[in-house]
C-alpha atoms as a PDB file:
ATOM      1  CA  MET A   1      -0.070   0.221   0.081  1.00  0.00           C
ATOM      2  CA  LYS A   2       1.388   3.263  -0.773  1.00  0.00           C
ATOM      3  CA  THR A   3       2.210   6.413   1.712  1.00  0.00           C
ATOM      4  CA  ALA A   4       0.458   9.349   1.626  1.00  0.00           C
ATOM      5  CA  SER A   5       3.760  11.165   0.557  1.00  0.00           C
ATOM      6  CA  ALA A   6       4.160   8.377  -2.497  1.00  0.00           C
ATOM      7  CA  ALA A   7       0.751   8.685  -3.533  1.00  0.00           C
ATOM      8  CA  GLU A   8       1.051  12.226  -3.519  1.00  0.00           C
ATOM      9  CA  ALA A   9       4.286  11.561  -5.730  1.00  0.00           C
ATOM     10  CA  SER A  10       2.478   9.251  -7.853  1.00  0.00           C
ATOM     11  CA  ALA A  11      -0.264  12.244  -8.403  1.00  0.00           C
ATOM     12  CA  ARG A  12       2.335  14.586  -9.193  1.00  0.00           C
ATOM     13  CA  HIS A  13       4.033  12.078 -12.023  1.00  0.00           C
ATOM     14  CA  ASP A  14      -0.005  11.863 -13.381  1.00  0.00           C
ATOM     15  CA  ILE A  15      -0.279  15.283 -13.806  1.00  0.00           C
ATOM     16  CA  ALA A  16       3.337  16.690 -14.568  1.00  0.00           C
ATOM     17  CA  PRO A  17       2.448  16.383 -18.327  1.00  0.00           C
ATOM     18  CA  ILE A  18      -0.329  18.764 -18.016  1.00  0.00           C
ATOM     19  CA  ARG A  19       1.803  21.599 -16.132  1.00  0.00           C
ATOM     20  CA  SER A  20       4.022  21.812 -19.073  1.00  0.00           C
ATOM     21  CA  HIS A  21       1.100  23.103 -20.922  1.00  0.00           C
ATOM     22  CA  GLN A  22      -0.494  25.574 -18.799  1.00  0.00           C
ATOM     23  CA  SER A  23      -3.960  27.086 -21.056  1.00  0.00           C
ATOM     24  CA  MET A  24      -4.536  22.802 -21.528  1.00  0.00           C
ATOM     25  CA  SER A  25      -4.178  22.304 -17.679  1.00  0.00           C
ATOM     26  CA  SER A  26      -6.686  24.707 -16.778  1.00  0.00           C
ATOM     27  CA  ILE A  27      -9.189  22.884 -19.692  1.00  0.00           C
ATOM     28  CA  ARG A  28      -7.883  19.705 -17.953  1.00  0.00           C
ATOM     29  CA  SER A  29      -8.702  20.617 -14.513  1.00  0.00           C
ATOM     30  CA  PHE A  30     -12.034  22.313 -15.567  1.00  0.00           C
ATOM     31  CA  LYS A  31     -13.212  18.811 -17.037  1.00  0.00           C
ATOM     32  CA  THR A  32     -12.117  17.123 -13.957  1.00  0.00           C
ATOM     33  CA  PHE A  33     -13.915  19.436 -11.790  1.00  0.00           C
ATOM     34  CA  LEU A  34     -16.930  19.078 -13.695  1.00  0.00           C
ATOM     35  CA  ALA A  35     -16.473  15.298 -13.230  1.00  0.00           C
ATOM     36  CA  VAL A  36     -16.247  15.671  -9.777  1.00  0.00           C
ATOM     37  CA  VAL A  37     -19.343  17.985  -9.640  1.00  0.00           C
ATOM     38  CA  ARG A  38     -21.060  15.145 -11.484  1.00  0.00           C
ATOM     39  CA  HIS A  39     -20.032  11.738  -9.665  1.00  0.00           C
ATOM     40  CA  GLY A  40     -19.270  14.166  -6.015  1.00  0.00           C
ATOM     41  CA  SER A  41     -16.177  11.928  -5.437  1.00  0.00           C
ATOM     42  CA  PHE A  42     -12.429  12.307  -6.548  1.00  0.00           C
ATOM     43  CA  THR A  43     -12.266   8.444  -7.062  1.00  0.00           C
ATOM     44  CA  ALA A  44     -15.325   8.372  -9.245  1.00  0.00           C
ATOM     45  CA  ALA A  45     -14.023  11.518 -11.285  1.00  0.00           C
ATOM     46  CA  GLY A  46     -10.643  10.089 -11.424  1.00  0.00           C
ATOM     47  CA  ARG A  47     -12.272   7.159 -13.478  1.00  0.00           C
ATOM     48  CA  GLU A  48     -14.033   8.937 -15.243  1.00  0.00           C
ATOM     49  CA  VAL A  49     -10.928  11.274 -16.406  1.00  0.00           C
ATOM     50  CA  GLY A  50      -8.168   8.360 -16.237  1.00  0.00           C
ATOM     51  CA  LEU A  51      -6.575   9.749 -12.872  1.00  0.00           C
ATOM     52  CA  THR A  52      -5.828   8.526  -9.777  1.00  0.00           C
ATOM     53  CA  PRO A  53      -8.303   9.948  -6.853  1.00  0.00           C
ATOM     54  CA  ALA A  54      -4.403  12.145  -5.219  1.00  0.00           C
ATOM     55  CA  ALA A  55      -4.045  13.133  -8.865  1.00  0.00           C
ATOM     56  CA  VAL A  56      -7.659  14.433  -9.015  1.00  0.00           C
ATOM     57  CA  GLY A  57      -7.220  15.797  -6.044  1.00  0.00           C
ATOM     58  CA  LEU A  58      -3.658  17.918  -6.635  1.00  0.00           C
ATOM     59  CA  GLN A  59      -5.733  19.184  -9.501  1.00  0.00           C
ATOM     60  CA  MET A  60      -8.178  20.417  -7.477  1.00  0.00           C
ATOM     61  CA  ARG A  61      -5.839  22.197  -5.159  1.00  0.00           C
ATOM     62  CA  SER A  62      -3.782  23.671  -8.170  1.00  0.00           C
ATOM     63  CA  LEU A  63      -7.256  24.708  -9.311  1.00  0.00           C
ATOM     64  CA  GLU A  64      -8.388  26.394  -6.353  1.00  0.00           C
ATOM     65  CA  GLN A  65      -4.549  28.213  -6.192  1.00  0.00           C
ATOM     66  CA  SER A  66      -5.437  29.490  -9.731  1.00  0.00           C
ATOM     67  CA  LEU A  67      -8.829  30.655  -8.695  1.00  0.00           C
ATOM     68  CA  GLU A  68      -7.615  32.120  -5.447  1.00  0.00           C
ATOM     69  CA  GLN A  69     -10.927  30.664  -3.523  1.00  0.00           C
ATOM     70  CA  ALA A  70     -11.463  27.104  -1.619  1.00  0.00           C
ATOM     71  CA  LEU A  71     -14.526  25.255  -4.166  1.00  0.00           C
ATOM     72  CA  PHE A  72     -14.349  21.892  -1.762  1.00  0.00           C
ATOM     73  CA  ASP A  73     -14.892  21.363   2.109  1.00  0.00           C
ATOM     74  CA  ARG A  74     -12.400  18.675   3.004  1.00  0.00           C
ATOM     75  CA  GLY A  75     -12.628  16.736   5.908  1.00  0.00           C
ATOM     76  CA  PRO A  76     -10.991  13.846   7.361  1.00  0.00           C
ATOM     77  CA  ARG A  77     -12.979  11.270   4.978  1.00  0.00           C
ATOM     78  CA  SER A  78     -15.051  13.103   2.596  1.00  0.00           C
ATOM     79  CA  VAL A  79     -14.561  16.281   0.065  1.00  0.00           C
ATOM     80  CA  VAL A  80     -17.791  17.969  -0.517  1.00  0.00           C
ATOM     81  CA  LEU A  81     -18.403  21.209  -3.246  1.00  0.00           C
ATOM     82  CA  ASN A  82     -18.886  23.834  -1.324  1.00  0.00           C
ATOM     83  CA  THR A  83     -21.262  27.230  -2.178  1.00  0.00           C
ATOM     84  CA  ALA A  84     -17.663  28.778  -3.839  1.00  0.00           C
ATOM     85  CA  GLY A  85     -17.737  25.295  -5.556  1.00  0.00           C
ATOM     86  CA  ARG A  86     -21.243  25.218  -6.679  1.00  0.00           C
ATOM     87  CA  ALA A  87     -21.624  29.427  -7.973  1.00  0.00           C
ATOM     88  CA  MET A  88     -18.100  28.042  -9.765  1.00  0.00           C
ATOM     89  CA  ALA A  89     -19.600  25.125 -11.214  1.00  0.00           C
ATOM     90  CA  PRO A  90     -22.319  27.070 -14.628  1.00  0.00           C
ATOM     91  CA  ARG A  91     -19.654  29.293 -15.489  1.00  0.00           C
ATOM     92  CA  ILE A  92     -17.028  26.717 -15.297  1.00  0.00           C
ATOM     93  CA  GLU A  93     -18.974  24.390 -17.793  1.00  0.00           C
ATOM     94  CA  GLN A  94     -19.657  27.363 -20.077  1.00  0.00           C
ATOM     95  CA  LEU A  95     -15.725  28.146 -20.190  1.00  0.00           C
ATOM     96  CA  VAL A  96     -15.479  23.899 -21.160  1.00  0.00           C
ATOM     97  CA  LEU A  97     -18.580  24.364 -23.729  1.00  0.00           C
ATOM     98  CA  LEU A  98     -16.438  27.319 -25.374  1.00  0.00           C
ATOM     99  CA  TYR A  99     -13.250  25.257 -25.708  1.00  0.00           C
ATOM    100  CA  ASP A 100     -14.734  22.569 -27.181  1.00  0.00           C
ATOM    101  CA  SER A 101     -16.664  24.463 -29.730  1.00  0.00           C
ATOM    102  CA  LEU A 102     -13.438  25.772 -30.583  1.00  0.00           C
ATOM    103  CA  VAL A 103     -12.165  22.797 -30.772  1.00  0.00           C
ATOM    104  CA  ALA A 104     -15.041  21.209 -33.161  1.00  0.00           C
ATOM    105  CA  GLU A 105     -14.131  24.070 -35.207  1.00  0.00           C
ATOM    106  CA  ALA A 106     -10.784  23.446 -35.650  1.00  0.00           C
ATOM    107  CA  ASP A 107     -11.272  19.430 -36.197  1.00  0.00           C
ATOM    108  CA  PRO A 108     -15.159  18.827 -37.144  1.00  0.00           C
ATOM    109  CA  ASP A 109     -14.539  15.139 -36.613  1.00  0.00           C
ATOM    110  CA  ALA A 110     -13.516  14.715 -33.419  1.00  0.00           C
ATOM    111  CA  LEU A 111     -15.625  13.644 -30.813  1.00  0.00           C
ATOM    112  CA  SER A 112     -13.913  11.930 -27.551  1.00  0.00           C
ATOM    113  CA  GLY A 113     -13.796  11.523 -23.987  1.00  0.00           C
ATOM    114  CA  THR A 114     -16.523  10.497 -21.602  1.00  0.00           C
ATOM    115  CA  VAL A 115     -20.150  10.759 -21.803  1.00  0.00           C
ATOM    116  CA  VAL A 116     -22.197   9.642 -19.026  1.00  0.00           C
ATOM    117  CA  VAL A 117     -26.203   8.964 -20.653  1.00  0.00           C
ATOM    118  CA  GLY A 118     -29.155   7.611 -18.718  1.00  0.00           C
ATOM    119  CA  ALA A 119     -32.182   5.151 -20.825  1.00  0.00           C
ATOM    120  CA  LEU A 120     -34.877   3.619 -20.520  1.00  0.00           C
ATOM    121  CA  VAL A 121     -34.421  -0.093 -20.882  1.00  0.00           C
ATOM    122  CA  SER A 122     -36.423  -0.247 -23.932  1.00  0.00           C
ATOM    123  CA  ALA A 123     -35.044   2.280 -25.620  1.00  0.00           C
ATOM    124  CA  LEU A 124     -31.302   0.431 -24.836  1.00  0.00           C
ATOM    125  CA  MET A 125     -32.623  -2.845 -26.731  1.00  0.00           C
ATOM    126  CA  GLY A 126     -33.856  -0.678 -30.268  1.00  0.00           C
ATOM    127  CA  ALA A 127     -33.707   2.515 -31.541  1.00  0.00           C
ATOM    128  CA  PHE A 128     -31.303   4.191 -28.864  1.00  0.00           C
ATOM    129  CA  ALA A 129     -28.934   1.857 -28.987  1.00  0.00           C
ATOM    130  CA  ASP A 130     -28.772   2.013 -32.663  1.00  0.00           C
ATOM    131  CA  ALA A 131     -28.056   5.652 -32.638  1.00  0.00           C
ATOM    132  CA  LEU A 132     -25.229   5.015 -30.508  1.00  0.00           C
ATOM    133  CA  ARG A 133     -23.665   1.942 -32.206  1.00  0.00           C
ATOM    134  CA  ALA A 134     -23.780   4.744 -35.166  1.00  0.00           C
ATOM    135  CA  VAL A 135     -22.097   7.881 -33.433  1.00  0.00           C
ATOM    136  CA  LYS A 136     -19.426   5.422 -31.900  1.00  0.00           C
ATOM    137  CA  ARG A 137     -18.159   3.879 -35.405  1.00  0.00           C
ATOM    138  CA  GLN A 138     -18.259   7.520 -36.070  1.00  0.00           C
ATOM    139  CA  HIS A 139     -16.320   8.620 -33.370  1.00  0.00           C
ATOM    140  CA  PRO A 140     -13.978   5.935 -32.107  1.00  0.00           C
ATOM    141  CA  ARG A 141     -12.721   7.677 -29.249  1.00  0.00           C
ATOM    142  CA  LEU A 142     -15.861   8.594 -27.729  1.00  0.00           C
ATOM    143  CA  LYS A 143     -16.742   6.559 -25.109  1.00  0.00           C
ATOM    144  CA  VAL A 144     -20.446   6.060 -23.330  1.00  0.00           C
ATOM    145  CA  LYS A 145     -20.943   5.090 -19.697  1.00  0.00           C
ATOM    146  CA  ILE A 146     -24.665   4.140 -19.977  1.00  0.00           C
ATOM    147  CA  LEU A 147     -27.111   4.106 -16.501  1.00  0.00           C
ATOM    148  CA  ALA A 148     -30.701   2.130 -17.069  1.00  0.00           C
ATOM    149  CA  GLY A 149     -33.790   3.273 -15.018  1.00  0.00           C
ATOM    150  CA  LEU A 150     -36.979   5.269 -15.185  1.00  0.00           C
ATOM    151  CA  SER A 151     -37.305   8.738 -16.242  1.00  0.00           C
ATOM    152  CA  SER A 152     -39.007  10.750 -13.244  1.00  0.00           C
ATOM    153  CA  ASP A 153     -35.226   9.945 -12.032  1.00  0.00           C
ATOM    154  CA  PHE A 154     -33.072  10.736 -14.928  1.00  0.00           C
ATOM    155  CA  ALA A 155     -34.725  14.417 -14.924  1.00  0.00           C
ATOM    156  CA  ASP A 156     -33.561  15.237 -11.405  1.00  0.00           C
ATOM    157  CA  ARG A 157     -29.572  13.576 -12.543  1.00  0.00           C
ATOM    158  CA  VAL A 158     -29.307  15.840 -15.527  1.00  0.00           C
ATOM    159  CA  GLU A 159     -30.131  18.871 -13.980  1.00  0.00           C
ATOM    160  CA  ARG A 160     -28.097  18.325 -10.868  1.00  0.00           C
ATOM    161  CA  GLY A 161     -25.398  17.147 -14.144  1.00  0.00           C
ATOM    162  CA  GLU A 162     -24.566  14.099 -12.513  1.00  0.00           C
ATOM    163  CA  LEU A 163     -25.716  13.065 -16.396  1.00  0.00           C
ATOM    164  CA  ASP A 164     -25.019  14.630 -19.305  1.00  0.00           C
ATOM    165  CA  ALA A 165     -28.111  13.551 -20.943  1.00  0.00           C
ATOM    166  CA  ALA A 166     -30.966  10.772 -20.795  1.00  0.00           C
ATOM    167  CA  VAL A 167     -33.162   9.261 -22.914  1.00  0.00           C
ATOM    168  CA  VAL A 168     -37.177   9.422 -21.201  1.00  0.00           C
ATOM    169  CA  THR A 169     -40.437   9.380 -22.037  1.00  0.00           C
ATOM    170  CA  LYS A 170     -42.057  13.077 -21.967  1.00  0.00           C
ATOM    171  CA  SER A 171     -42.710  14.305 -18.883  1.00  0.00           C
ATOM    172  CA  PRO A 172     -46.106  14.526 -17.918  1.00  0.00           C
ATOM    173  CA  ARG A 173     -45.085  18.172 -15.886  1.00  0.00           C
ATOM    174  CA  PRO A 174     -43.455  21.171 -17.302  1.00  0.00           C
ATOM    175  CA  LEU A 175     -39.673  20.680 -16.867  1.00  0.00           C
ATOM    176  CA  ALA A 176     -37.319  22.770 -14.976  1.00  0.00           C
ATOM    177  CA  SER A 177     -36.272  25.713 -17.294  1.00  0.00           C
ATOM    178  CA  SER A 178     -32.884  24.406 -16.814  1.00  0.00           C
ATOM    179  CA  LEU A 179     -33.731  21.773 -19.272  1.00  0.00           C
ATOM    180  CA  ARG A 180     -34.498  21.057 -22.774  1.00  0.00           C
ATOM    181  CA  TRP A 181     -36.580  18.068 -24.105  1.00  0.00           C
ATOM    182  CA  THR A 182     -36.124  16.875 -27.466  1.00  0.00           C
ATOM    183  CA  PRO A 183     -38.479  14.421 -29.149  1.00  0.00           C
ATOM    184  CA  LEU A 184     -37.154  11.363 -30.977  1.00  0.00           C
ATOM    185  CA  TYR A 185     -40.083   8.936 -31.763  1.00  0.00           C
ATOM    186  CA  THR A 186     -43.299   7.794 -30.590  1.00  0.00           C
ATOM    187  CA  GLU A 187     -44.787   4.695 -29.359  1.00  0.00           C
ATOM    188  CA  ALA A 188     -48.709   4.067 -29.290  1.00  0.00           C
ATOM    189  CA  MET A 189     -50.180   2.491 -25.713  1.00  0.00           C
ATOM    190  CA  VAL A 190     -51.616  -0.771 -26.434  1.00  0.00           C
ATOM    191  CA  LEU A 191     -53.893  -3.635 -25.079  1.00  0.00           C
ATOM    192  CA  ILE A 192     -51.848  -6.913 -25.071  1.00  0.00           C
ATOM    193  CA  VAL A 193     -53.088 -10.440 -23.729  1.00  0.00           C
ATOM    194  CA  PRO A 194     -51.815 -13.675 -23.265  1.00  0.00           C
ATOM    195  CA  ARG A 195     -52.638 -16.701 -26.340  1.00  0.00           C
ATOM    196  CA  ARG A 196     -52.505 -19.031 -23.377  1.00  0.00           C
ATOM    197  CA  ALA A 197     -54.077 -16.972 -20.220  1.00  0.00           C
ATOM    198  CA  GLN A 198     -54.628 -18.803 -17.239  1.00  0.00           C
ATOM    199  CA  PHE A 199     -58.311 -17.213 -16.656  1.00  0.00           C
ATOM    200  CA  ALA A 200     -61.372 -16.765 -18.624  1.00  0.00           C
ATOM    201  CA  LEU A 201     -60.587 -14.316 -21.263  1.00  0.00           C
ATOM    202  CA  PRO A 202     -63.653 -12.140 -22.607  1.00  0.00           C
ATOM    203  CA  ASP A 203     -63.465 -11.863 -26.376  1.00  0.00           C
ATOM    204  CA  GLU A 204     -63.800  -7.823 -26.091  1.00  0.00           C
ATOM    205  CA  PRO A 205     -60.993  -5.556 -25.506  1.00  0.00           C
ATOM    206  CA  LEU A 206     -63.148  -3.421 -22.770  1.00  0.00           C
ATOM    207  CA  ASP A 207     -64.089  -6.289 -21.494  1.00  0.00           C
ATOM    208  CA  MET A 208     -60.877  -8.040 -20.926  1.00  0.00           C
ATOM    209  CA  LEU A 209     -59.731  -4.962 -19.156  1.00  0.00           C
ATOM    210  CA  ARG A 210     -62.751  -4.966 -17.049  1.00  0.00           C
ATOM    211  CA  GLN A 211     -62.523  -8.492 -15.868  1.00  0.00           C
ATOM    212  CA  ALA A 212     -59.100 -10.142 -16.454  1.00  0.00           C
ATOM    213  CA  PRO A 213     -56.616  -9.710 -14.133  1.00  0.00           C
ATOM    214  CA  PHE A 214     -54.388  -6.387 -14.608  1.00  0.00           C
ATOM    215  CA  ILE A 215     -50.687  -5.542 -14.668  1.00  0.00           C
ATOM    216  CA  ARG A 216     -50.240  -2.434 -14.174  1.00  0.00           C
ATOM    217  CA  PHE A 217     -47.119   0.104 -14.628  1.00  0.00           C
ATOM    218  CA  ASP A 218     -46.675   2.226 -11.635  1.00  0.00           C
ATOM    219  CA  ARG A 219     -48.960   5.028 -11.467  1.00  0.00           C
ATOM    220  CA  HIS A 220     -46.284   7.255 -10.353  1.00  0.00           C
ATOM    221  CA  THR A 221     -44.059   7.135 -13.009  1.00  0.00           C
ATOM    222  CA  TRP A 222     -43.991   8.769 -16.433  1.00  0.00           C
ATOM    223  CA  THR A 223     -45.146   5.688 -18.233  1.00  0.00           C
ATOM    224  CA  GLY A 224     -47.396   5.078 -15.297  1.00  0.00           C
ATOM    225  CA  HIS A 225     -49.533   8.460 -16.101  1.00  0.00           C
ATOM    226  CA  LEU A 226     -49.867   7.444 -19.959  1.00  0.00           C
ATOM    227  CA  VAL A 227     -51.539   4.151 -18.427  1.00  0.00           C
ATOM    228  CA  ASN A 228     -53.454   5.816 -16.490  1.00  0.00           C
ATOM    229  CA  GLU A 229     -54.784   8.563 -19.234  1.00  0.00           C
ATOM    230  CA  VAL A 230     -55.607   5.023 -21.088  1.00  0.00           C
ATOM    231  CA  LEU A 231     -58.008   3.911 -18.471  1.00  0.00           C
ATOM    232  CA  ARG A 232     -59.535   6.934 -18.204  1.00  0.00           C
ATOM    233  CA  ARG A 233     -60.676   7.825 -21.834  1.00  0.00           C
ATOM    234  CA  CYS A 234     -61.676   4.139 -21.998  1.00  0.00           C
ATOM    235  CA  ASP A 235     -63.813   4.507 -18.594  1.00  0.00           C
ATOM    236  CA  VAL A 236     -63.109   1.350 -17.017  1.00  0.00           C
ATOM    237  CA  SER A 237     -61.812   0.064 -13.600  1.00  0.00           C
ATOM    238  CA  THR A 238     -59.593  -2.131 -13.785  1.00  0.00           C
ATOM    239  CA  SER A 239     -58.649  -5.349 -11.177  1.00  0.00           C
ATOM    240  CA  ASP A 240     -55.444  -4.703 -10.459  1.00  0.00           C
ATOM    241  CA  GLU A 241     -53.047  -8.093  -9.504  1.00  0.00           C
ATOM    242  CA  MET A 242     -49.544  -6.512  -9.999  1.00  0.00           C
ATOM    243  CA  GLU A 243     -48.212  -2.956 -10.016  1.00  0.00           C
ATOM    244  CA  LEU A 244     -44.381  -3.405 -12.179  1.00  0.00           C
ATOM    245  CA  ASN A 245     -42.211  -0.272 -13.003  1.00  0.00           C
ATOM    246  CA  SER A 246     -40.254  -2.482 -15.833  1.00  0.00           C
ATOM    247  CA  VAL A 247     -42.327  -2.823 -19.244  1.00  0.00           C
ATOM    248  CA  GLU A 248     -40.275  -5.790 -19.752  1.00  0.00           C
ATOM    249  CA  ALA A 249     -40.969  -7.358 -16.962  1.00  0.00           C
ATOM    250  CA  MET A 250     -44.544  -6.560 -17.393  1.00  0.00           C
ATOM    251  CA  ILE A 251     -44.353  -8.118 -20.841  1.00  0.00           C
ATOM    252  CA  GLU A 252     -42.925 -11.391 -19.557  1.00  0.00           C
ATOM    253  CA  ILE A 253     -45.800 -11.889 -16.952  1.00  0.00           C
ATOM    254  CA  VAL A 254     -48.444 -11.603 -19.618  1.00  0.00           C
ATOM    255  CA  ARG A 255     -46.602 -13.901 -22.027  1.00  0.00           C
ATOM    256  CA  GLN A 256     -46.912 -16.200 -19.138  1.00  0.00           C
ATOM    257  CA  GLY A 257     -50.681 -15.730 -18.785  1.00  0.00           C
ATOM    258  CA  PHE A 258     -50.579 -14.504 -15.312  1.00  0.00           C
ATOM    259  CA  GLY A 259     -52.806 -11.198 -16.350  1.00  0.00           C
ATOM    260  CA  VAL A 260     -53.302  -8.715 -19.365  1.00  0.00           C
ATOM    261  CA  SER A 261     -51.692  -4.859 -19.374  1.00  0.00           C
ATOM    262  CA  ILE A 262     -51.583  -1.506 -21.247  1.00  0.00           C
ATOM    263  CA  VAL A 263     -47.895  -0.659 -22.379  1.00  0.00           C
ATOM    264  CA  PRO A 264     -46.339   1.123 -25.073  1.00  0.00           C
ATOM    265  CA  ARG A 265     -45.729  -0.651 -28.373  1.00  0.00           C
ATOM    266  CA  LEU A 266     -42.281  -0.775 -28.276  1.00  0.00           C
ATOM    267  CA  ALA A 267     -40.428   0.401 -31.709  1.00  0.00           C
ATOM    268  CA  ASN A 268     -37.588  -2.472 -31.249  1.00  0.00           C
ATOM    269  CA  VAL A 269     -39.561  -5.418 -30.855  1.00  0.00           C
ATOM    270  CA  ASN A 270     -41.033  -7.947 -33.365  1.00  0.00           C
ATOM    271  CA  TRP A 271     -44.904  -8.366 -32.198  1.00  0.00           C
ATOM    272  CA  ALA A 272     -46.173  -9.659 -35.018  1.00  0.00           C
ATOM    273  CA  THR A 273     -44.505 -13.086 -34.523  1.00  0.00           C
ATOM    274  CA  ASP A 274     -44.576 -13.187 -30.822  1.00  0.00           C
ATOM    275  CA  ARG A 275     -46.596 -16.620 -30.142  1.00  0.00           C
ATOM    276  CA  SER A 276     -47.148 -15.797 -26.419  1.00  0.00           C
ATOM    277  CA  LEU A 277     -49.339 -12.683 -26.749  1.00  0.00           C
ATOM    278  CA  ARG A 278     -51.393 -10.447 -28.954  1.00  0.00           C
ATOM    279  CA  VAL A 279     -51.517  -6.965 -29.323  1.00  0.00           C
ATOM    280  CA  LEU A 280     -54.539  -4.884 -29.331  1.00  0.00           C
ATOM    281  CA  THR A 281     -55.523  -1.334 -30.016  1.00  0.00           C
ATOM    282  CA  LEU A 282     -58.353   0.019 -28.300  1.00  0.00           C
ATOM    283  CA  PRO A 283     -61.459   1.123 -30.262  1.00  0.00           C
ATOM    284  CA  GLY A 284     -61.662   5.079 -30.176  1.00  0.00           C
ATOM    285  CA  ILE A 285     -58.111   5.917 -28.052  1.00  0.00           C
ATOM    286  CA  ASP A 286     -55.250   7.326 -29.116  1.00  0.00           C
ATOM    287  CA  VAL A 287     -52.367   7.700 -26.452  1.00  0.00           C
ATOM    288  CA  GLN A 288     -48.687   8.208 -27.505  1.00  0.00           C
ATOM    289  CA  ARG A 289     -45.521   7.855 -25.445  1.00  0.00           C
ATOM    290  CA  HIS A 290     -43.183   9.868 -26.796  1.00  0.00           C
ATOM    291  CA  VAL A 291     -39.503   9.374 -26.271  1.00  0.00           C
ATOM    292  CA  GLY A 292     -36.906  12.203 -26.356  1.00  0.00           C
ATOM    293  CA  LEU A 293     -33.672  13.306 -25.015  1.00  0.00           C
ATOM    294  CA  ILE A 294     -33.168  15.505 -21.655  1.00  0.00           C
ATOM    295  CA  GLU A 295     -30.499  18.013 -21.317  1.00  0.00           C
ATOM    296  CA  ARG A 296     -29.403  21.054 -19.863  1.00  0.00           C
ATOM    297  CA  ALA A 297     -29.882  23.849 -22.078  1.00  0.00           C
ATOM    298  CA  SER A 298     -26.255  24.727 -22.273  1.00  0.00           C
ATOM    299  CA  HIS A 299     -23.504  22.323 -21.449  1.00  0.00           C
ATOM    300  CA  THR A 300     -20.296  20.609 -22.366  1.00  0.00           C
ATOM    301  CA  ARG A 301     -21.516  17.343 -24.641  1.00  0.00           C
ATOM    302  CA  MET A 302     -24.063  18.954 -26.722  1.00  0.00           C
ATOM    303  CA  ARG A 303     -21.809  17.936 -29.880  1.00  0.00           C
ATOM    304  CA  PHE A 304     -23.205  14.200 -28.717  1.00  0.00           C
ATOM    305  CA  THR A 305     -26.222  14.926 -27.935  1.00  0.00           C
ATOM    306  CA  GLU A 306     -26.871  16.526 -31.314  1.00  0.00           C
ATOM    307  CA  ALA A 307     -24.667  13.688 -33.042  1.00  0.00           C
ATOM    308  CA  ILE A 308     -27.495  11.743 -31.263  1.00  0.00           C
ATOM    309  CA  LYS A 309     -30.745  13.385 -32.444  1.00  0.00           C
ATOM    310  CA  GLN A 310     -29.549  13.821 -35.952  1.00  0.00           C
ATOM    311  CA  HIS A 311     -29.341   9.880 -36.113  1.00  0.00           C
ATOM    312  CA  HIS A 312     -32.711   9.953 -35.389  1.00  0.00           C
ATOM    313  CA  TYR A 313     -33.770  12.717 -37.739  1.00  0.00           C
ATOM    314  CA  THR A 314     -32.004  10.693 -40.800  1.00  0.00           C
ATOM    315  CA  ALA A 315     -33.911   7.675 -39.848  1.00  0.00           C
ATOM    316  CA  VAL A 316     -37.092   9.337 -39.484  1.00  0.00           C
ATOM    317  CA  ASP A 317     -36.634  10.693 -42.940  1.00  0.00           C
ATOM    318  CA  ALA A 318     -35.484   7.089 -44.146  1.00  0.00           C
ATOM    319  CA  GLY A 319     -38.667   6.001 -42.883  1.00  0.00           C
ATOM    320  CA  LYS A 320     -37.249   3.246 -40.442  1.00  0.00           C
ATOM    321  CA  THR A 321     -38.685   4.797 -36.922  1.00  0.00           C
END
């Protein structure tokens, strides 16, 4: 195990090449600072930027000396962004954004570094995954870290700067003014029923909703709001059997014959060949799940998000989504 002095020496070795170019040192320190803001620790930030925690600490001390103010409250076992650091973060992000735009003008094809993105699991299975592959092929130096989860959780994390962007369902409520949502594609809300049910299954879709065990999407989520809207328009009361927050899990439960459900008609699933369930439209009901990209109005990874959006626009023009 390294002693404290050995760790400091190793850290200085890590950042020695950076010090030979002072302007580049500032930009790299700014990017490291923003990584610390996103992840909340020197260790996690170091994994993103390729430095040891000690080297990250030295960069941050050097940055504080350059700015002539402390950006962190340091304890025996923790480092927390202080008031000055929180106030400085948006301005540093603007500087990095300006620098990256200058680099982009000099080399329009350059897109590298690590991007941290949140995504719905269903998006990772299809259209968004296709976009990521396309962007990665064009920019092999780009690294993408993906976190799967729920739309409502991602919005807060994007706003705090923990995520560069996220692929989410459109919010049923207005977003914070600092956030921007761009639509990518839509999915119709449909009724799915098992081909071999473990209960008596009526013939009519509305009767199925009224009488069959209902597998409900978590009503507190953004997709859950859409399910509630479908049921409201159908004017039916359901007999809820289970409540889950995963479309994929719900589809599998219906396949096994345990109930019926209302889900988005996933763009990446070949429903017509599914031998275990049927997909039915509800008469007179047209509720769509809008999936899009959420990001801050200004951030350092806008070239990446623009590339993702452009891929989707091209796919739509070609009739692929």
